[in-house]
Protein backbone atom coordinates (compact mmCIF):
# COMPACT_ATOMS: atom_id res chain seq x y z
CA MET A 1 38.18 -158.21 -112.65
CA THR A 2 35.62 -158.68 -109.92
CA VAL A 3 32.81 -156.36 -108.99
CA SER A 4 34.59 -155.25 -105.83
CA GLU A 5 37.68 -154.38 -107.91
CA TYR A 6 35.52 -152.31 -110.26
CA TYR A 7 34.06 -150.42 -107.31
CA GLY A 8 37.57 -150.02 -105.88
CA LEU A 9 38.90 -148.51 -109.10
CA LEU A 10 36.29 -145.77 -108.79
CA GLY A 11 36.94 -145.39 -105.05
CA LEU A 12 33.44 -146.54 -104.12
CA ASN A 13 31.86 -149.04 -101.77
CA ILE A 14 29.63 -151.84 -103.02
CA GLY A 15 25.99 -150.86 -102.89
CA CYS A 16 26.41 -147.18 -103.73
CA SER A 17 23.91 -145.41 -106.00
CA ALA A 18 24.14 -144.99 -109.77
CA GLN A 19 24.59 -141.26 -109.19
CA ASP A 20 27.62 -141.98 -106.99
CA ILE A 21 29.10 -144.15 -109.75
CA LYS A 22 28.60 -141.41 -112.35
CA LYS A 23 30.09 -138.76 -110.08
CA ALA A 24 33.11 -140.91 -109.19
CA TYR A 25 33.75 -141.77 -112.84
CA ARG A 26 33.71 -138.13 -113.92
CA LYS A 27 36.24 -137.30 -111.20
CA LYS A 28 38.51 -140.26 -111.99
CA ALA A 29 38.27 -139.71 -115.76
CA ARG A 30 39.52 -136.17 -115.32
CA GLU A 31 42.34 -137.32 -113.03
CA CYS A 32 43.47 -140.22 -115.21
CA HIS A 33 42.92 -139.04 -118.79
CA PRO A 34 46.32 -139.19 -120.53
CA ASP A 35 45.77 -135.72 -121.98
CA ILE A 36 45.83 -134.31 -118.43
CA ASN A 37 47.78 -136.92 -116.47
CA HIS A 38 51.17 -137.57 -118.06
CA ALA A 39 52.13 -140.50 -115.81
CA PRO A 40 53.24 -143.61 -117.69
CA ASP A 41 50.33 -145.69 -116.39
CA ALA A 42 47.64 -143.01 -116.93
CA LYS A 43 46.33 -144.54 -120.15
CA ASP A 44 45.95 -148.00 -118.61
CA MET A 45 44.30 -146.54 -115.54
CA PHE A 46 41.90 -144.51 -117.68
CA ILE A 47 40.96 -147.63 -119.65
CA SER A 48 40.40 -149.58 -116.44
CA ILE A 49 38.16 -146.96 -114.82
CA THR A 50 36.17 -146.58 -118.04
CA GLU A 51 35.67 -150.34 -118.15
CA ALA A 52 34.67 -150.33 -114.48
CA TYR A 53 32.19 -147.51 -115.03
CA GLU A 54 30.61 -149.14 -118.06
CA PHE A 55 30.27 -152.49 -116.28
CA LEU A 56 28.77 -151.00 -113.11
CA ILE A 57 26.27 -148.76 -114.93
CA THR A 58 25.27 -151.42 -117.45
CA ASN A 59 24.72 -154.06 -114.76
CA PHE A 60 23.59 -151.81 -111.91
CA GLU A 61 20.15 -153.42 -111.51
CA LYS A 62 21.49 -156.98 -111.89
CA LEU A 63 24.15 -156.45 -109.23
CA ALA A 64 21.51 -155.44 -106.71
CA SER A 65 19.35 -158.50 -107.38
CA ASP A 66 19.96 -162.15 -106.58
CA GLU A 67 23.18 -164.16 -106.84
CA GLN A 68 22.14 -165.89 -110.09
CA ALA A 69 21.56 -162.58 -111.90
CA TYR A 70 24.94 -161.36 -110.62
CA LYS A 71 26.76 -164.44 -111.97
CA GLN A 72 24.96 -164.17 -115.29
CA ALA A 73 25.89 -160.47 -115.57
CA MET A 74 29.57 -161.25 -114.94
CA GLU A 75 29.59 -164.07 -117.49
CA ASP A 76 27.84 -161.99 -120.16
CA TRP A 77 30.21 -159.11 -119.51
CA ARG A 78 33.30 -161.24 -119.93
CA LYS A 79 31.98 -162.91 -123.09
CA TYR A 80 30.55 -159.98 -125.01
CA ARG A 81 31.14 -156.52 -123.65
CA GLN A 82 34.44 -156.33 -121.81
CA TYR A 83 36.59 -156.36 -124.94
CA ARG A 84 34.44 -153.72 -126.69
CA SER A 85 34.48 -151.56 -123.57
CA ARG A 86 38.28 -151.65 -123.39
CA GLN A 87 38.59 -150.83 -127.12
CA LYS A 88 36.27 -147.85 -126.76
CA ALA A 89 38.23 -146.66 -123.71
CA LYS A 90 41.49 -146.89 -125.67
CA VAL A 91 40.03 -144.60 -128.34
CA TYR A 92 38.89 -142.13 -125.66
CA ALA A 93 42.34 -142.28 -124.06
CA GLN A 94 44.01 -141.37 -127.36
CA SER A 95 41.79 -138.34 -127.92
CA SER A 96 42.16 -135.04 -126.14
CA TYR A 97 40.31 -134.60 -122.87
CA MET A 98 38.17 -131.82 -124.37
CA HIS A 99 37.14 -134.12 -127.22
CA PHE A 100 36.38 -136.90 -124.72
CA ARG A 101 34.20 -134.52 -122.65
CA ASN A 102 32.11 -133.82 -125.74
CA THR A 103 31.34 -137.48 -126.44
CA ASN A 104 27.89 -138.87 -125.74
CA PHE A 105 29.51 -141.44 -123.45
CA TYR A 106 30.88 -138.76 -121.15
CA LYS A 107 27.71 -136.69 -121.31
CA THR A 108 25.69 -139.63 -119.97
CA THR A 109 27.64 -139.41 -116.73
CA ARG A 110 25.95 -136.15 -115.85
CA ILE A 111 23.26 -136.44 -113.23
CA PHE A 112 21.49 -133.34 -114.48
CA ASP A 113 22.10 -131.56 -117.71
CA GLY A 114 21.45 -127.92 -118.53
CA THR A 115 18.35 -128.64 -120.62
CA THR A 116 16.63 -130.50 -117.79
CA ILE A 117 17.39 -127.77 -115.28
CA ILE A 118 16.22 -124.96 -117.58
CA SER A 119 13.03 -126.93 -118.33
CA CYS A 120 12.32 -127.30 -114.61
CA LEU A 121 12.93 -123.59 -114.13
CA ILE A 122 10.46 -122.72 -116.90
CA VAL A 123 7.84 -125.10 -115.51
CA SER A 124 8.17 -123.60 -112.04
CA ILE A 125 7.68 -120.09 -113.45
CA LEU A 126 4.64 -121.29 -115.39
CA VAL A 127 3.16 -122.81 -112.22
CA LEU A 128 3.53 -119.47 -110.45
CA ILE A 129 2.05 -117.47 -113.34
CA ILE A 130 -0.90 -119.83 -113.86
CA THR A 131 -1.62 -119.90 -110.12
CA ILE A 132 -1.74 -116.10 -109.85
CA TYR A 133 -3.61 -115.67 -113.14
CA GLY A 134 -6.12 -118.40 -112.22
CA TYR A 135 -6.83 -116.85 -108.84
CA ILE A 136 -7.35 -113.37 -110.31
CA TYR A 137 -9.52 -114.79 -113.10
CA ARG A 138 -11.70 -116.65 -110.59
CA ILE A 139 -12.19 -113.47 -108.54
CA HIS A 140 -13.33 -111.50 -111.61
CA HIS A 141 -15.34 -114.38 -113.10
CA PRO A 142 -16.91 -116.28 -110.19
CA LEU A 143 -18.76 -119.51 -110.83
CA PRO A 144 -22.46 -119.57 -109.94
CA ASP A 145 -23.26 -121.06 -106.55
CA VAL A 146 -19.53 -121.16 -105.62
CA GLU A 147 -17.87 -118.86 -103.15
CA ASN A 148 -14.70 -116.93 -103.87
CA PRO A 149 -11.63 -119.01 -104.60
CA SER A 150 -9.78 -120.33 -101.60
CA VAL A 151 -6.84 -118.27 -100.41
CA ALA A 152 -5.38 -121.39 -98.76
CA ILE A 153 -5.17 -123.17 -102.12
CA LEU A 154 -3.58 -120.08 -103.67
CA ILE A 155 -0.95 -120.01 -100.93
CA LEU A 156 -0.34 -123.76 -101.25
CA PHE A 157 0.27 -123.54 -105.02
CA LEU A 158 2.42 -120.42 -104.62
CA LEU A 159 4.54 -122.21 -102.01
CA LEU A 160 4.91 -125.27 -104.25
CA GLY A 161 5.83 -123.07 -107.22
CA MET A 162 8.35 -121.13 -105.14
CA LEU A 163 9.86 -124.35 -103.77
CA PHE A 164 10.18 -125.79 -107.26
CA PHE A 165 11.66 -122.50 -108.49
CA SER A 166 14.17 -122.37 -105.61
CA VAL A 167 15.31 -125.96 -106.15
CA SER A 168 15.70 -125.27 -109.89
CA ILE A 169 17.84 -122.19 -109.16
CA ILE A 170 20.02 -124.16 -106.72
CA TYR A 171 20.60 -126.90 -109.30
CA LEU A 172 21.25 -124.33 -112.02
CA LYS A 173 23.92 -122.64 -109.89
CA ALA A 174 25.51 -126.01 -109.09
CA PHE A 175 25.45 -126.98 -112.77
CA ILE A 176 27.07 -123.71 -113.83
CA GLN A 177 29.69 -124.06 -111.10
CA SER A 178 30.53 -127.66 -112.08
CA SER A 179 30.68 -126.65 -115.76
CA LYS A 180 33.18 -123.91 -114.89
CA LYS A 181 35.30 -126.41 -112.95
CA HIS A 182 35.34 -128.87 -115.85
CA ASN A 183 36.27 -126.17 -118.35
CA ARG A 184 39.43 -125.30 -116.46
């Protein structure tokens, strides 16, 4: 297969981001997994999109560089990895979709995982707490020859903490929503 055919299998245009590739693969894997899709060609389609995903993610940087790196990536893929990729995809196709979703291979297609989002949420809360505590501490324990702490800096750090907190909440909601969709 060619690179354009791999992109076509995932319904993408050449030059899209790695996140777009991951998102498209997750969608196509759900549509084509033989455990869910009982069409006669579902297994072959699932194997093809898994191969396409693995090729595009593995060679993402090389595909964006010069023509020589692209040709070398295609040659290496055909020699060494294409067969292994198809064999792995056949095993995934024979397992249940729920089992497939729990594999490390499938989990790597997530853009954000729950641990990362929760960590960001905790860090944002810590930024807010430390900012408020630091300001109050500086008011009660002023440094010699230094005026009171700046209210502008307090407001700046509070705004940054709130922004970080808000973004973390938005991603957490989106993650929970996408997890619910995938569990159906």
